[in-house]
Amino acid sequence: MIFITFIFSLFVTTTLSEINYQSYALNMHNNLRNKHGAGALTYNARLSEIATSCAGYYAQIGRIDHTCPYKSYLGENLAFFSSTSGPPYVLNSVNDAINGWYVECNDYNYAWPPRSSYGKQVYHFTQMVWKSTTYVGFGVYLHPQTGRTYVVALYEPKGNIIEYGPDAYEWFRGNVTAPGFYG
């Protein structure tokens, strides 16, 4: 009976941790999207399953490079963290990933999208706040040998759409607005 209770307790703790990082990541995304006039994302369990598979895939190949074969036609943000002082907490890794993606807004050129100041990366930020994206899922994988934590967010429909024509960046202007300006 004690063994069964331990297994049940372990299962419940793991499940609650997973739910906590999922809801934490969703709330964090939605709070940041709100600053840009983008509607709230809806959590999608299927996207989270795929994101978790992708996090495992990136851990297996030892890099993050947007090549996960499980995620066709989805937007994707990636991060990984290494720790020399033991395994990092999942919520800390998720928090650091989302903050790292969002801080790119400081370099985004709203007048000339999707350009950035000084050639810095901005596509993680733009995917996070892309107005026509409605669903999101999150996956985390802690590699037992390397101690690296891989964080993946998947978005549907994907953002960062560039079309060719007279105004190739029209989609960016319509989907990524400055904080407090929703025009």
Protein backbone atom coordinates (compact mmCIF):
# COMPACT_ATOMS: atom_id res chain seq x y z
CA MET A 1 0.00 0.00 0.00
CA ILE A 2 2.85 2.39 0.80
CA PHE A 3 4.45 1.61 -2.59
CA ILE A 4 1.19 2.39 -4.44
CA THR A 5 0.77 5.62 -2.48
CA PHE A 6 4.34 6.63 -3.39
CA ILE A 7 3.74 5.91 -7.09
CA PHE A 8 0.46 7.85 -7.02
CA SER A 9 2.12 10.74 -5.18
CA LEU A 10 4.97 10.80 -7.69
CA PHE A 11 2.51 10.78 -10.60
CA VAL A 12 0.41 13.59 -9.13
CA THR A 13 3.49 15.71 -8.36
CA THR A 14 4.85 15.26 -11.88
CA THR A 15 1.49 16.02 -13.45
CA LEU A 16 0.99 19.13 -11.33
CA SER A 17 4.49 20.38 -12.18
CA GLU A 18 3.73 19.95 -15.86
CA ILE A 19 0.42 21.76 -15.53
CA ASN A 20 2.09 24.53 -13.56
CA TYR A 21 4.76 25.25 -16.16
CA GLN A 22 2.20 25.07 -18.96
CA SER A 23 -0.19 27.51 -17.28
CA TYR A 24 2.71 29.71 -16.14
CA ALA A 25 4.04 29.94 -19.72
CA LEU A 26 0.55 30.61 -21.11
CA ASN A 27 -0.15 33.37 -18.58
CA MET A 28 3.24 34.94 -19.20
CA HIS A 29 2.68 34.91 -22.97
CA ASN A 30 -0.80 36.39 -22.65
CA ASN A 31 0.34 39.17 -20.32
CA LEU A 32 3.07 40.17 -22.77
CA ARG A 33 0.75 39.88 -25.79
CA ASN A 34 -1.76 42.13 -24.05
CA LYS A 35 0.83 44.95 -24.00
CA HIS A 36 0.80 44.82 -27.81
CA GLY A 37 -2.96 44.55 -28.28
CA ALA A 38 -2.77 40.89 -29.29
CA GLY A 39 -5.55 38.61 -28.07
CA ALA A 40 -4.98 35.87 -25.54
CA LEU A 41 -3.59 32.58 -26.79
CA THR A 42 -5.42 29.34 -26.04
CA TYR A 43 -3.44 26.41 -24.62
CA ASN A 44 -3.41 23.42 -26.96
CA ALA A 45 -2.49 19.98 -25.57
CA ARG A 46 -1.61 18.60 -29.03
CA LEU A 47 0.89 21.42 -29.56
CA SER A 48 2.36 20.74 -26.12
CA GLU A 49 2.83 17.06 -26.98
CA ILE A 50 4.62 18.03 -30.18
CA ALA A 51 6.67 20.69 -28.35
CA THR A 52 7.75 18.10 -25.77
CA SER A 53 8.78 15.72 -28.58
CA CYS A 54 10.72 18.54 -30.24
CA ALA A 55 12.46 19.42 -26.95
CA GLY A 56 13.56 15.78 -26.70
CA TYR A 57 14.68 15.83 -30.34
CA TYR A 58 16.85 18.92 -29.79
CA ALA A 59 18.33 17.37 -26.65
CA GLN A 60 19.18 14.25 -28.67
CA ILE A 61 21.00 16.20 -31.41
CA GLY A 62 22.56 18.60 -28.89
CA ARG A 63 21.51 21.86 -30.52
CA ILE A 64 18.47 24.02 -31.28
CA ASP A 65 18.16 24.69 -34.99
CA HIS A 66 14.45 24.60 -35.98
CA THR A 67 14.81 21.18 -37.66
CA CYS A 68 12.38 19.21 -35.50
CA PRO A 69 10.56 16.87 -37.92
CA TYR A 70 7.36 16.76 -35.83
CA LYS A 71 6.30 20.40 -36.18
CA SER A 72 5.51 21.18 -39.81
CA TYR A 73 3.62 24.44 -40.43
CA LEU A 74 3.90 25.62 -36.83
CA GLY A 75 5.67 28.67 -35.45
CA GLU A 76 8.48 27.77 -33.05
CA ASN A 77 10.52 29.49 -30.35
CA LEU A 78 13.48 27.65 -28.81
CA ALA A 79 15.86 28.05 -25.90
CA PHE A 80 18.26 25.90 -23.91
CA PHE A 81 20.07 26.40 -20.66
CA SER A 82 23.05 24.69 -19.06
CA SER A 83 23.65 24.36 -15.35
CA THR A 84 26.79 23.43 -13.48
CA SER A 85 25.10 23.53 -10.08
CA GLY A 86 22.56 20.77 -10.57
CA PRO A 87 19.42 20.63 -12.65
CA PRO A 88 17.63 23.96 -13.12
CA TYR A 89 14.04 24.39 -12.04
CA VAL A 90 11.61 24.01 -14.93
CA LEU A 91 9.76 27.24 -14.12
CA ASN A 92 13.04 29.19 -14.05
CA SER A 93 13.98 27.83 -17.48
CA VAL A 94 10.54 28.62 -18.90
CA ASN A 95 10.64 32.11 -17.39
CA ASP A 96 14.14 32.78 -18.74
CA ALA A 97 13.20 31.50 -22.21
CA ILE A 98 10.10 33.68 -22.49
CA ASN A 99 11.89 36.75 -21.15
CA GLY A 100 14.74 36.10 -23.58
CA TRP A 101 12.34 35.94 -26.52
CA TYR A 102 10.39 38.99 -25.44
CA VAL A 103 13.40 41.24 -24.76
CA GLU A 104 13.92 41.31 -28.54
CA CYS A 105 11.09 43.90 -28.62
CA ASN A 106 13.71 46.45 -27.56
CA ASP A 107 15.41 45.98 -30.93
CA TYR A 108 12.32 45.68 -33.14
CA ASN A 109 11.82 48.46 -35.70
CA TYR A 110 8.04 48.99 -35.84
CA ALA A 111 8.41 51.51 -38.67
CA TRP A 112 10.40 49.12 -40.87
CA PRO A 113 9.37 45.58 -39.91
CA PRO A 114 10.79 43.01 -39.53
CA ARG A 115 14.10 44.81 -39.28
CA SER A 116 15.89 45.32 -36.02
CA SER A 117 18.37 47.74 -34.62
CA TYR A 118 21.94 46.68 -35.32
CA GLY A 119 20.94 43.40 -37.00
CA LYS A 120 19.78 41.74 -33.79
CA GLN A 121 17.37 38.82 -33.62
CA VAL A 122 13.66 39.77 -33.36
CA TYR A 123 11.68 36.83 -34.74
CA HIS A 124 11.13 35.17 -31.34
CA PHE A 125 9.45 38.35 -30.11
CA THR A 126 7.34 38.81 -33.24
CA GLN A 127 6.08 35.21 -33.06
CA MET A 128 5.11 35.68 -29.40
CA VAL A 129 2.92 38.73 -30.10
CA TRP A 130 1.74 37.83 -33.63
CA LYS A 131 -1.94 38.80 -33.50
CA SER A 132 -3.33 36.12 -35.82
CA THR A 133 -1.70 33.30 -33.82
CA THR A 134 -4.35 31.79 -31.55
CA TYR A 135 -2.97 28.53 -30.09
CA VAL A 136 0.20 27.68 -28.21
CA GLY A 137 1.79 24.66 -26.56
CA PHE A 138 4.98 24.26 -24.54
CA GLY A 139 7.50 21.48 -24.05
CA VAL A 140 10.48 21.13 -21.73
CA TYR A 141 13.13 18.41 -21.71
CA LEU A 142 15.90 18.05 -19.14
CA HIS A 143 18.77 16.05 -20.62
CA PRO A 144 19.93 13.63 -17.89
CA GLN A 145 23.56 13.42 -19.08
CA THR A 146 24.32 17.02 -20.09
CA GLY A 147 22.12 18.83 -17.58
CA ARG A 148 20.81 21.06 -20.35
CA THR A 149 17.18 22.11 -20.27
CA TYR A 150 15.46 22.58 -23.64
CA VAL A 151 12.36 24.79 -23.87
CA VAL A 152 10.09 24.80 -26.93
CA ALA A 153 6.99 26.89 -27.65
CA LEU A 154 4.88 26.02 -30.70
CA TYR A 155 2.34 28.41 -32.23
CA GLU A 156 -0.62 27.90 -34.56
CA PRO A 157 -1.19 29.43 -36.98
CA LYS A 158 2.44 30.40 -37.31
CA GLY A 159 3.53 34.02 -37.47
CA ASN A 160 6.44 35.81 -39.12
CA ILE A 161 4.77 35.71 -42.53
CA ILE A 162 6.58 37.55 -45.29
CA GLU A 163 4.82 37.80 -48.64
CA TYR A 164 6.40 38.97 -51.82
CA GLY A 165 4.88 41.92 -53.64
CA PRO A 166 4.61 45.68 -53.31
CA ASP A 167 4.51 45.50 -49.47
CA ALA A 168 6.30 42.36 -48.36
CA TYR A 169 6.01 43.29 -44.69
CA GLU A 170 2.31 44.15 -44.57
CA TRP A 171 1.70 41.08 -42.39
CA PHE A 172 4.19 42.34 -39.80
CA ARG A 173 2.55 45.77 -39.64
CA GLY A 174 -0.85 44.17 -39.10
CA ASN A 175 0.28 41.59 -36.53
CA VAL A 176 3.03 43.26 -34.48
CA THR A 177 2.21 46.58 -32.85
CA ALA A 178 4.16 48.70 -30.40
CA PRO A 179 3.23 48.44 -26.72
CA GLY A 180 0.20 50.61 -26.03
CA PHE A 181 -0.39 51.33 -29.74
CA TYR A 182 -2.91 49.02 -31.35
CA GLY A 183 -3.64 50.98 -34.54
